[in-house]
């Protein structure tokens, strides 16, 4: 799907200050990844993203955007954002995706402690909903771009719903030629 001028018309308020980034922060091609931590296809997309990083060393970065779809997904996005506060976003992301069918608040809190986080601080953060505005902004931004499901990827002016590694690779190559 071509986005034409849509991205340029999105207000700055819909851009969180520091979204988690996989890959070199200064890489010339940014791929926005809209995901829900309870989405099985999002979990399954992790190896493809790693392969794309390896195929384009130093040239691509994946900008993670929260796009909660399921009833409990907002709370799970909150847990990921609270883990990011303590420098553990990627570790918590892996845990959430690996255990998405069996997640419980107690298990997530225990994992936070196992990852070396301050458990009490993490729990207060999740319970307070302090990051709700962040994941709601990401979701609003995604909707403004036409995202309706997860995973979705935005590369330049193209949006891809679902995982199609070959199409993403072609889009990245196209952006690198610009």
N, C-alpha and C. Protein backbone atom coordinates (compact mmCIF):
# COMPACT_ATOMS: atom_id res chain seq x y z
N UNK A 1 0.85 -1.16 0.00
CA UNK A 1 0.00 0.00 0.00
C UNK A 1 0.90 1.23 0.00
N UNK A 2 0.67 2.15 -0.90
CA UNK A 2 1.43 3.40 -0.96
C UNK A 2 0.80 4.43 -0.04
N UNK A 3 1.62 5.14 0.69
CA UNK A 3 1.14 6.11 1.67
C UNK A 3 1.11 7.53 1.14
N UNK A 4 1.71 7.79 0.01
CA UNK A 4 1.86 9.13 -0.58
C UNK A 4 2.19 10.16 0.49
N UNK A 5 1.40 11.20 0.66
CA UNK A 5 1.73 12.29 1.58
C UNK A 5 1.26 12.07 3.00
N UNK A 6 0.71 10.91 3.30
CA UNK A 6 0.16 10.67 4.63
C UNK A 6 1.16 10.89 5.76
N UNK A 7 2.34 10.31 5.65
CA UNK A 7 3.31 10.40 6.74
C UNK A 7 3.68 11.84 7.04
N UNK A 8 3.76 12.67 6.02
CA UNK A 8 4.13 14.07 6.24
C UNK A 8 3.04 14.84 6.97
N UNK A 9 1.80 14.34 6.93
CA UNK A 9 0.71 15.07 7.55
C UNK A 9 0.42 14.63 8.98
N UNK A 10 1.17 13.67 9.51
CA UNK A 10 0.93 13.19 10.86
C UNK A 10 1.55 14.17 11.86
N UNK A 11 0.78 14.63 12.83
CA UNK A 11 1.30 15.59 13.80
C UNK A 11 2.45 15.02 14.63
N UNK A 12 3.38 15.90 15.01
CA UNK A 12 4.52 15.47 15.82
C UNK A 12 4.09 14.81 17.13
N UNK A 13 2.91 15.15 17.64
CA UNK A 13 2.44 14.56 18.89
C UNK A 13 2.27 13.05 18.78
N UNK A 14 2.19 12.52 17.56
CA UNK A 14 2.04 11.09 17.38
C UNK A 14 3.38 10.38 17.22
N UNK A 15 4.46 11.08 17.44
CA UNK A 15 5.80 10.49 17.39
C UNK A 15 6.36 10.43 18.80
N UNK A 16 6.38 9.25 19.44
CA UNK A 16 6.99 9.17 20.76
C UNK A 16 8.46 9.58 20.67
N UNK A 17 8.98 10.14 21.74
CA UNK A 17 10.33 10.68 21.75
C UNK A 17 11.40 9.63 21.43
N UNK A 18 11.39 8.52 22.10
CA UNK A 18 12.45 7.53 21.94
C UNK A 18 11.89 6.12 21.82
N UNK A 19 11.35 5.74 20.67
CA UNK A 19 10.88 4.36 20.55
C UNK A 19 12.06 3.40 20.53
N UNK A 20 11.85 2.16 20.97
CA UNK A 20 12.93 1.17 20.90
C UNK A 20 13.34 0.93 19.44
N UNK A 21 14.64 0.82 19.23
CA UNK A 21 15.17 0.62 17.87
C UNK A 21 16.07 -0.62 17.86
N UNK A 22 15.85 -1.48 16.86
CA UNK A 22 16.71 -2.64 16.64
C UNK A 22 17.58 -2.32 15.43
N UNK A 23 18.88 -2.39 15.61
CA UNK A 23 19.79 -2.01 14.54
C UNK A 23 20.43 -0.68 14.86
N UNK A 24 21.36 -0.23 14.02
CA UNK A 24 22.06 1.02 14.29
C UNK A 24 21.10 2.21 14.25
N UNK A 25 21.07 3.02 15.31
CA UNK A 25 20.14 4.16 15.35
C UNK A 25 20.29 5.11 14.16
N UNK A 26 21.47 5.22 13.59
CA UNK A 26 21.68 6.14 12.48
C UNK A 26 21.58 5.50 11.10
N UNK A 27 21.11 4.26 11.04
CA UNK A 27 21.01 3.57 9.74
C UNK A 27 20.12 4.37 8.79
N UNK A 28 20.47 4.41 7.50
CA UNK A 28 19.72 5.25 6.56
C UNK A 28 18.28 4.82 6.30
N UNK A 29 17.96 3.55 6.48
CA UNK A 29 16.59 3.09 6.24
C UNK A 29 15.93 2.72 7.56
N UNK A 30 14.81 3.36 7.83
CA UNK A 30 14.02 3.06 9.03
C UNK A 30 12.77 2.28 8.61
N UNK A 31 12.55 1.17 9.26
CA UNK A 31 11.35 0.37 9.05
C UNK A 31 10.55 0.44 10.34
N UNK A 32 9.36 1.01 10.28
CA UNK A 32 8.50 1.03 11.46
C UNK A 32 7.79 -0.31 11.56
N UNK A 33 7.84 -0.91 12.74
CA UNK A 33 7.24 -2.21 12.98
C UNK A 33 6.11 -2.03 13.98
N UNK A 34 4.89 -2.25 13.53
CA UNK A 34 3.71 -2.16 14.40
C UNK A 34 3.38 -3.56 14.86
N UNK A 35 3.47 -3.78 16.18
CA UNK A 35 3.24 -5.12 16.68
C UNK A 35 2.42 -5.11 17.96
N UNK A 36 1.84 -6.26 18.21
CA UNK A 36 1.08 -6.54 19.42
C UNK A 36 1.79 -7.73 20.06
N UNK A 37 2.14 -7.61 21.32
CA UNK A 37 2.89 -8.68 21.98
C UNK A 37 2.09 -9.97 22.14
N UNK A 38 0.78 -9.93 21.88
CA UNK A 38 -0.04 -11.13 21.94
C UNK A 38 -0.36 -11.69 20.55
N UNK A 39 0.28 -11.13 19.53
CA UNK A 39 0.07 -11.56 18.14
C UNK A 39 1.08 -12.65 17.79
N UNK A 40 0.61 -13.87 17.48
CA UNK A 40 1.55 -14.95 17.15
C UNK A 40 2.42 -14.66 15.93
N UNK A 41 1.87 -14.00 14.92
CA UNK A 41 2.67 -13.70 13.73
C UNK A 41 3.76 -12.68 14.06
N UNK A 42 3.46 -11.75 14.97
CA UNK A 42 4.49 -10.79 15.41
C UNK A 42 5.64 -11.55 16.07
N UNK A 43 5.31 -12.51 16.92
CA UNK A 43 6.34 -13.32 17.57
C UNK A 43 7.14 -14.08 16.52
N UNK A 44 6.45 -14.62 15.53
CA UNK A 44 7.11 -15.40 14.48
C UNK A 44 7.96 -14.54 13.54
N UNK A 45 7.76 -13.23 13.55
CA UNK A 45 8.51 -12.35 12.64
C UNK A 45 9.93 -12.06 13.12
N UNK A 46 10.24 -12.39 14.36
CA UNK A 46 11.57 -12.06 14.91
C UNK A 46 12.74 -12.60 14.09
N UNK A 47 12.74 -13.86 13.68
CA UNK A 47 13.87 -14.34 12.87
C UNK A 47 14.00 -13.59 11.54
N UNK A 48 12.88 -13.25 10.92
CA UNK A 48 12.93 -12.52 9.64
C UNK A 48 13.57 -11.15 9.84
N UNK A 49 13.23 -10.46 10.93
CA UNK A 49 13.82 -9.15 11.18
C UNK A 49 15.33 -9.28 11.40
N UNK A 50 15.73 -10.31 12.12
CA UNK A 50 17.17 -10.53 12.33
C UNK A 50 17.88 -10.82 11.00
N UNK A 51 17.24 -11.60 10.13
CA UNK A 51 17.85 -11.89 8.82
C UNK A 51 17.97 -10.62 7.99
N UNK A 52 16.96 -9.77 8.04
CA UNK A 52 17.01 -8.52 7.27
C UNK A 52 18.11 -7.60 7.80
N UNK A 53 18.31 -7.58 9.11
CA UNK A 53 19.42 -6.79 9.68
C UNK A 53 20.76 -7.34 9.18
N UNK A 54 20.89 -8.65 9.13
CA UNK A 54 22.13 -9.27 8.67
C UNK A 54 22.34 -9.05 7.18
N UNK A 55 21.26 -9.03 6.41
CA UNK A 55 21.37 -8.84 4.96
C UNK A 55 21.76 -7.41 4.60
N UNK A 56 21.49 -6.47 5.51
CA UNK A 56 21.77 -5.05 5.26
C UNK A 56 22.53 -4.46 6.45
N UNK A 57 23.75 -4.96 6.71
CA UNK A 57 24.48 -4.51 7.90
C UNK A 57 24.72 -3.00 7.91
N UNK A 58 24.32 -2.39 9.01
CA UNK A 58 24.52 -0.95 9.18
C UNK A 58 23.60 -0.08 8.34
N UNK A 59 22.71 -0.69 7.57
CA UNK A 59 21.88 0.07 6.63
C UNK A 59 20.42 0.19 7.02
N UNK A 60 19.96 -0.62 7.95
CA UNK A 60 18.54 -0.62 8.30
C UNK A 60 18.36 -0.66 9.82
N UNK A 61 17.32 -0.01 10.25
CA UNK A 61 16.93 -0.06 11.66
C UNK A 61 15.43 -0.30 11.73
N UNK A 62 15.02 -1.08 12.71
CA UNK A 62 13.60 -1.36 12.92
C UNK A 62 13.14 -0.55 14.13
N UNK A 63 12.18 0.32 13.89
CA UNK A 63 11.64 1.19 14.93
C UNK A 63 10.37 0.53 15.45
N UNK A 64 10.39 0.13 16.70
CA UNK A 64 9.28 -0.63 17.26
C UNK A 64 8.15 0.32 17.68
N UNK A 65 6.94 -0.02 17.26
CA UNK A 65 5.74 0.75 17.60
C UNK A 65 4.73 -0.21 18.24
N UNK A 66 4.17 0.24 19.35
CA UNK A 66 3.14 -0.54 20.03
C UNK A 66 1.83 -0.41 19.26
N UNK A 67 1.17 -1.54 19.00
CA UNK A 67 -0.13 -1.51 18.32
C UNK A 67 -1.02 -2.58 18.96
N UNK A 68 -1.45 -2.33 20.21
CA UNK A 68 -2.27 -3.32 20.91
C UNK A 68 -3.59 -3.55 20.18
N UNK A 69 -3.90 -4.81 19.94
CA UNK A 69 -5.13 -5.19 19.26
C UNK A 69 -6.04 -5.98 20.19
N UNK A 70 -5.49 -6.91 20.93
CA UNK A 70 -6.26 -7.80 21.79
C UNK A 70 -6.63 -7.10 23.11
N UNK A 71 -7.62 -7.64 23.81
CA UNK A 71 -8.15 -7.02 25.02
C UNK A 71 -7.07 -6.74 26.07
N UNK A 72 -6.16 -7.66 26.27
CA UNK A 72 -5.12 -7.49 27.31
C UNK A 72 -3.82 -6.89 26.77
N UNK A 73 -3.79 -6.56 25.50
CA UNK A 73 -2.55 -6.12 24.87
C UNK A 73 -2.02 -4.79 25.40
N UNK A 74 -2.91 -3.91 25.83
CA UNK A 74 -2.46 -2.63 26.38
C UNK A 74 -1.62 -2.84 27.63
N UNK A 75 -2.06 -3.74 28.49
CA UNK A 75 -1.32 -4.03 29.73
C UNK A 75 0.04 -4.66 29.40
N UNK A 76 0.07 -5.50 28.38
CA UNK A 76 1.33 -6.14 27.98
C UNK A 76 2.28 -5.10 27.37
N UNK A 77 1.74 -4.19 26.55
CA UNK A 77 2.56 -3.09 26.01
C UNK A 77 3.11 -2.24 27.14
N UNK A 78 2.30 -2.03 28.16
CA UNK A 78 2.73 -1.27 29.34
C UNK A 78 3.93 -1.96 30.00
N UNK A 79 3.87 -3.28 30.12
CA UNK A 79 4.98 -4.02 30.72
C UNK A 79 6.25 -3.85 29.90
N UNK A 80 6.13 -3.90 28.58
CA UNK A 80 7.31 -3.72 27.72
C UNK A 80 7.89 -2.32 27.88
N UNK A 81 7.02 -1.32 27.94
CA UNK A 81 7.48 0.07 28.10
C UNK A 81 8.12 0.27 29.47
N UNK A 82 7.57 -0.36 30.49
CA UNK A 82 8.16 -0.24 31.83
C UNK A 82 9.51 -0.94 31.88
N UNK A 83 9.65 -2.04 31.16
CA UNK A 83 10.96 -2.71 31.06
C UNK A 83 11.95 -1.79 30.35
N UNK A 84 11.49 -1.07 29.33
CA UNK A 84 12.37 -0.13 28.62
C UNK A 84 12.89 0.94 29.57
N UNK A 85 12.07 1.35 30.53
CA UNK A 85 12.51 2.35 31.51
C UNK A 85 13.74 1.88 32.27
N UNK A 86 13.88 0.57 32.41
CA UNK A 86 15.01 0.02 33.15
C UNK A 86 16.04 -0.62 32.21
N UNK A 87 15.97 -0.25 30.92
CA UNK A 87 16.95 -0.73 29.96
C UNK A 87 16.80 -2.19 29.57
N UNK A 88 15.60 -2.74 29.71
CA UNK A 88 15.39 -4.16 29.46
C UNK A 88 14.27 -4.43 28.45
N UNK A 89 14.02 -3.48 27.53
CA UNK A 89 12.94 -3.67 26.56
C UNK A 89 13.12 -4.95 25.76
N UNK A 90 14.31 -5.14 25.18
CA UNK A 90 14.51 -6.27 24.26
C UNK A 90 14.40 -7.60 24.97
N UNK A 91 14.92 -7.67 26.19
CA UNK A 91 14.81 -8.91 26.95
C UNK A 91 13.35 -9.21 27.29
N UNK A 92 12.61 -8.17 27.71
CA UNK A 92 11.20 -8.37 28.04
C UNK A 92 10.40 -8.70 26.78
N UNK A 93 10.74 -8.07 25.68
CA UNK A 93 10.06 -8.37 24.40
C UNK A 93 10.18 -9.85 24.08
N UNK A 94 11.39 -10.39 24.20
CA UNK A 94 11.59 -11.81 23.93
C UNK A 94 10.73 -12.66 24.85
N UNK A 95 10.74 -12.33 26.13
CA UNK A 95 9.94 -13.09 27.10
C UNK A 95 8.45 -13.03 26.75
N UNK A 96 7.95 -11.83 26.47
CA UNK A 96 6.52 -11.67 26.18
C UNK A 96 6.12 -12.46 24.94
N UNK A 97 6.94 -12.39 23.90
CA UNK A 97 6.62 -13.15 22.69
C UNK A 97 6.73 -14.66 22.93
N UNK A 98 7.76 -15.08 23.63
CA UNK A 98 7.96 -16.52 23.86
C UNK A 98 6.86 -17.13 24.72
N UNK A 99 6.26 -16.34 25.59
CA UNK A 99 5.28 -16.88 26.55
C UNK A 99 3.88 -16.29 26.35
N UNK A 100 3.62 -15.76 25.18
CA UNK A 100 2.37 -15.01 24.99
C UNK A 100 1.11 -15.82 25.31
N UNK A 101 1.15 -17.12 25.18
CA UNK A 101 -0.05 -17.92 25.46
C UNK A 101 -0.25 -18.21 26.95
N UNK A 102 0.79 -18.00 27.74
CA UNK A 102 0.71 -18.36 29.16
C UNK A 102 1.05 -17.19 30.08
N UNK A 103 0.97 -15.98 29.58
CA UNK A 103 1.35 -14.82 30.39
C UNK A 103 0.40 -14.62 31.56
N UNK A 104 0.98 -14.22 32.67
CA UNK A 104 0.19 -13.77 33.83
C UNK A 104 0.96 -12.60 34.44
N UNK A 105 0.25 -11.76 35.17
CA UNK A 105 0.92 -10.61 35.79
C UNK A 105 2.03 -11.08 36.72
N UNK A 106 1.76 -12.14 37.48
CA UNK A 106 2.76 -12.65 38.42
C UNK A 106 4.00 -13.15 37.68
N UNK A 107 3.80 -13.86 36.58
CA UNK A 107 4.94 -14.40 35.81
C UNK A 107 5.76 -13.27 35.20
N UNK A 108 5.09 -12.23 34.70
CA UNK A 108 5.80 -11.10 34.09
C UNK A 108 6.61 -10.37 35.16
N UNK A 109 6.03 -10.18 36.34
CA UNK A 109 6.75 -9.54 37.44
C UNK A 109 7.96 -10.38 37.85
N UNK A 110 7.79 -11.68 37.93
CA UNK A 110 8.91 -12.56 38.27
C UNK A 110 10.00 -12.47 37.21
N UNK A 111 9.62 -12.44 35.94
CA UNK A 111 10.61 -12.33 34.87
C UNK A 111 11.35 -11.00 34.95
N UNK A 112 10.64 -9.93 35.28
CA UNK A 112 11.29 -8.62 35.43
C UNK A 112 12.41 -8.72 36.47
N UNK A 113 12.13 -9.38 37.56
CA UNK A 113 13.15 -9.55 38.61
C UNK A 113 14.31 -10.42 38.11
N UNK A 114 13.97 -11.50 37.39
CA UNK A 114 15.02 -12.38 36.86
C UNK A 114 15.91 -11.65 35.85
N UNK A 115 15.33 -10.67 35.16
CA UNK A 115 16.11 -9.88 34.20
C UNK A 115 16.94 -8.80 34.89
N UNK A 116 16.85 -8.72 36.21
CA UNK A 116 17.65 -7.76 36.95
C UNK A 116 16.98 -6.42 37.17
N UNK A 117 15.69 -6.35 36.91
CA UNK A 117 14.98 -5.09 37.13
C UNK A 117 14.60 -4.95 38.59
N UNK A 118 14.36 -3.72 39.00
CA UNK A 118 13.80 -3.42 40.31
C UNK A 118 12.32 -3.82 40.23
N UNK A 119 11.97 -4.94 40.86
CA UNK A 119 10.62 -5.49 40.75
C UNK A 119 9.54 -4.55 41.25
N UNK A 120 9.79 -3.89 42.38
CA UNK A 120 8.78 -2.98 42.93
C UNK A 120 8.56 -1.80 41.99
N UNK A 121 9.64 -1.26 41.45
CA UNK A 121 9.52 -0.14 40.50
C UNK A 121 8.78 -0.57 39.24
N UNK A 122 9.11 -1.77 38.74
CA UNK A 122 8.45 -2.30 37.55
C UNK A 122 6.95 -2.47 37.81
N UNK A 123 6.61 -3.06 38.93
CA UNK A 123 5.20 -3.29 39.26
C UNK A 123 4.43 -1.97 39.38
N UNK A 124 5.03 -1.00 40.07
CA UNK A 124 4.37 0.33 40.19
C UNK A 124 4.15 0.94 38.82
N UNK A 125 5.15 0.83 37.97
CA UNK A 125 5.06 1.39 36.62
C UNK A 125 3.92 0.75 35.85
N UNK A 126 3.86 -0.58 35.84
CA UNK A 126 2.81 -1.28 35.09
C UNK A 126 1.44 -0.94 35.64
N UNK A 127 1.30 -0.96 36.96
CA UNK A 127 -0.01 -0.71 37.58
C UNK A 127 -0.47 0.73 37.38
N UNK A 128 0.47 1.66 37.27
CA UNK A 128 0.10 3.08 37.13
C UNK A 128 -0.40 3.42 35.74
N UNK A 129 -0.01 2.63 34.75
CA UNK A 129 -0.40 2.95 33.37
C UNK A 129 0.31 4.18 32.83
N UNK A 130 1.47 4.48 33.38
CA UNK A 130 2.20 5.70 33.02
C UNK A 130 2.54 5.77 31.53
N UNK A 131 2.65 4.62 30.88
CA UNK A 131 3.01 4.60 29.45
C UNK A 131 1.82 4.47 28.52
N UNK A 132 0.62 4.50 29.05
CA UNK A 132 -0.57 4.31 28.21
C UNK A 132 -0.61 5.33 27.07
N UNK A 133 -0.26 6.57 27.35
CA UNK A 133 -0.30 7.59 26.29
C UNK A 133 0.68 7.24 25.18
N UNK A 134 1.81 6.62 25.53
CA UNK A 134 2.81 6.25 24.53
C UNK A 134 2.27 5.20 23.57
N UNK A 135 1.72 4.10 24.12
CA UNK A 135 1.22 3.06 23.21
C UNK A 135 -0.05 3.50 22.50
N UNK A 136 -0.82 4.38 23.12
CA UNK A 136 -2.00 4.92 22.44
C UNK A 136 -1.58 5.83 21.28
N UNK A 137 -0.50 6.61 21.46
CA UNK A 137 0.03 7.44 20.36
C UNK A 137 0.53 6.57 19.21
N UNK A 138 1.25 5.51 19.56
CA UNK A 138 1.73 4.60 18.52
C UNK A 138 0.56 4.01 17.74
N UNK A 139 -0.46 3.59 18.47
CA UNK A 139 -1.63 3.00 17.79
C UNK A 139 -2.33 4.04 16.91
N UNK A 140 -2.47 5.27 17.41
CA UNK A 140 -3.09 6.34 16.61
C UNK A 140 -2.25 6.65 15.38
N UNK A 141 -0.95 6.68 15.55
CA UNK A 141 -0.04 6.92 14.42
C UNK A 141 -0.20 5.82 13.38
N UNK A 142 -0.23 4.58 13.84
CA UNK A 142 -0.41 3.46 12.93
C UNK A 142 -1.73 3.55 12.18
N UNK A 143 -2.78 3.86 12.89
CA UNK A 143 -4.09 3.98 12.24
C UNK A 143 -4.07 5.10 11.20
N UNK A 144 -3.39 6.21 11.53
CA UNK A 144 -3.29 7.33 10.58
C UNK A 144 -2.57 6.90 9.30
N UNK A 145 -1.68 5.93 9.43
CA UNK A 145 -0.95 5.41 8.27
C UNK A 145 -1.70 4.28 7.55
N UNK A 146 -2.81 3.85 8.13
CA UNK A 146 -3.59 2.79 7.51
C UNK A 146 -3.38 1.42 8.12
N UNK A 147 -2.64 1.33 9.22
CA UNK A 147 -2.42 0.05 9.88
C UNK A 147 -3.74 -0.40 10.50
N UNK A 148 -4.11 -1.64 10.22
CA UNK A 148 -5.34 -2.16 10.82
C UNK A 148 -5.10 -3.48 11.55
N UNK A 149 -3.93 -4.06 11.39
CA UNK A 149 -3.61 -5.32 12.05
C UNK A 149 -2.12 -5.46 12.24
N UNK A 150 -1.75 -6.54 12.91
CA UNK A 150 -0.34 -6.76 13.20
C UNK A 150 0.10 -8.11 12.67
N UNK A 151 1.39 -8.22 12.33
CA UNK A 151 2.35 -7.13 12.26
C UNK A 151 2.13 -6.31 10.99
N UNK A 152 2.50 -5.05 11.08
CA UNK A 152 2.51 -4.16 9.92
C UNK A 152 3.85 -3.45 9.91
N UNK A 153 4.32 -3.16 8.70
CA UNK A 153 5.63 -2.55 8.52
C UNK A 153 5.51 -1.36 7.59
N UNK A 154 6.17 -0.26 7.93
CA UNK A 154 6.20 0.91 7.06
C UNK A 154 7.65 1.13 6.66
N UNK A 155 7.88 1.10 5.34
CA UNK A 155 9.21 1.32 4.77
C UNK A 155 9.06 2.46 3.77
N UNK A 156 9.66 3.60 4.08
CA UNK A 156 9.50 4.75 3.19
C UNK A 156 8.04 5.11 3.08
N UNK A 157 7.52 5.04 1.88
CA UNK A 157 6.11 5.37 1.65
C UNK A 157 5.26 4.14 1.39
N UNK A 158 5.76 2.98 1.79
CA UNK A 158 5.00 1.75 1.59
C UNK A 158 4.67 1.11 2.93
N UNK A 159 3.45 0.55 3.00
CA UNK A 159 3.01 -0.15 4.19
C UNK A 159 2.70 -1.59 3.82
N UNK A 160 3.16 -2.50 4.66
CA UNK A 160 2.95 -3.93 4.45
C UNK A 160 2.23 -4.50 5.67
N UNK A 161 1.11 -5.17 5.45
CA UNK A 161 0.43 -5.86 6.54
C UNK A 161 0.78 -7.33 6.46
N UNK A 162 1.06 -7.91 7.59
CA UNK A 162 1.49 -9.30 7.62
C UNK A 162 2.97 -9.39 7.32
N UNK A 163 3.51 -10.57 7.52
CA UNK A 163 4.94 -10.77 7.32
C UNK A 163 5.21 -11.29 5.92
N UNK A 164 5.93 -10.51 5.13
CA UNK A 164 6.39 -10.93 3.81
C UNK A 164 7.84 -10.47 3.72
N UNK A 165 8.73 -11.35 4.13
CA UNK A 165 10.16 -11.01 4.23
C UNK A 165 10.73 -10.56 2.89
N UNK A 166 10.36 -11.23 1.81
CA UNK A 166 10.89 -10.87 0.49
C UNK A 166 10.44 -9.47 0.09
N UNK A 167 9.18 -9.13 0.33
CA UNK A 167 8.68 -7.80 -0.01
C UNK A 167 9.36 -6.73 0.84
N UNK A 168 9.58 -7.02 2.12
CA UNK A 168 10.29 -6.06 2.98
C UNK A 168 11.72 -5.86 2.48
N UNK A 169 12.37 -6.95 2.11
CA UNK A 169 13.74 -6.86 1.60
C UNK A 169 13.78 -5.98 0.34
N UNK A 170 12.85 -6.18 -0.57
CA UNK A 170 12.80 -5.35 -1.79
C UNK A 170 12.57 -3.88 -1.44
N UNK A 171 11.69 -3.62 -0.50
CA UNK A 171 11.40 -2.23 -0.11
C UNK A 171 12.63 -1.58 0.53
N UNK A 172 13.35 -2.34 1.34
CA UNK A 172 14.58 -1.81 1.96
C UNK A 172 15.61 -1.51 0.87
N UNK A 173 15.77 -2.42 -0.08
CA UNK A 173 16.73 -2.20 -1.18
C UNK A 173 16.34 -0.97 -1.99
N UNK A 174 15.06 -0.80 -2.23
CA UNK A 174 14.58 0.38 -2.97
C UNK A 174 14.93 1.66 -2.21
N UNK A 175 14.70 1.66 -0.91
CA UNK A 175 15.01 2.84 -0.10
C UNK A 175 16.52 3.12 -0.09
N UNK A 176 17.33 2.09 -0.08
CA UNK A 176 18.79 2.27 -0.09
C UNK A 176 19.27 2.89 -1.40
N UNK A 177 18.55 2.66 -2.49
CA UNK A 177 18.93 3.23 -3.79
C UNK A 177 18.52 4.70 -3.92
N UNK A 178 17.66 5.18 -3.07
CA UNK A 178 17.18 6.57 -3.17
C UNK A 178 18.26 7.55 -2.80
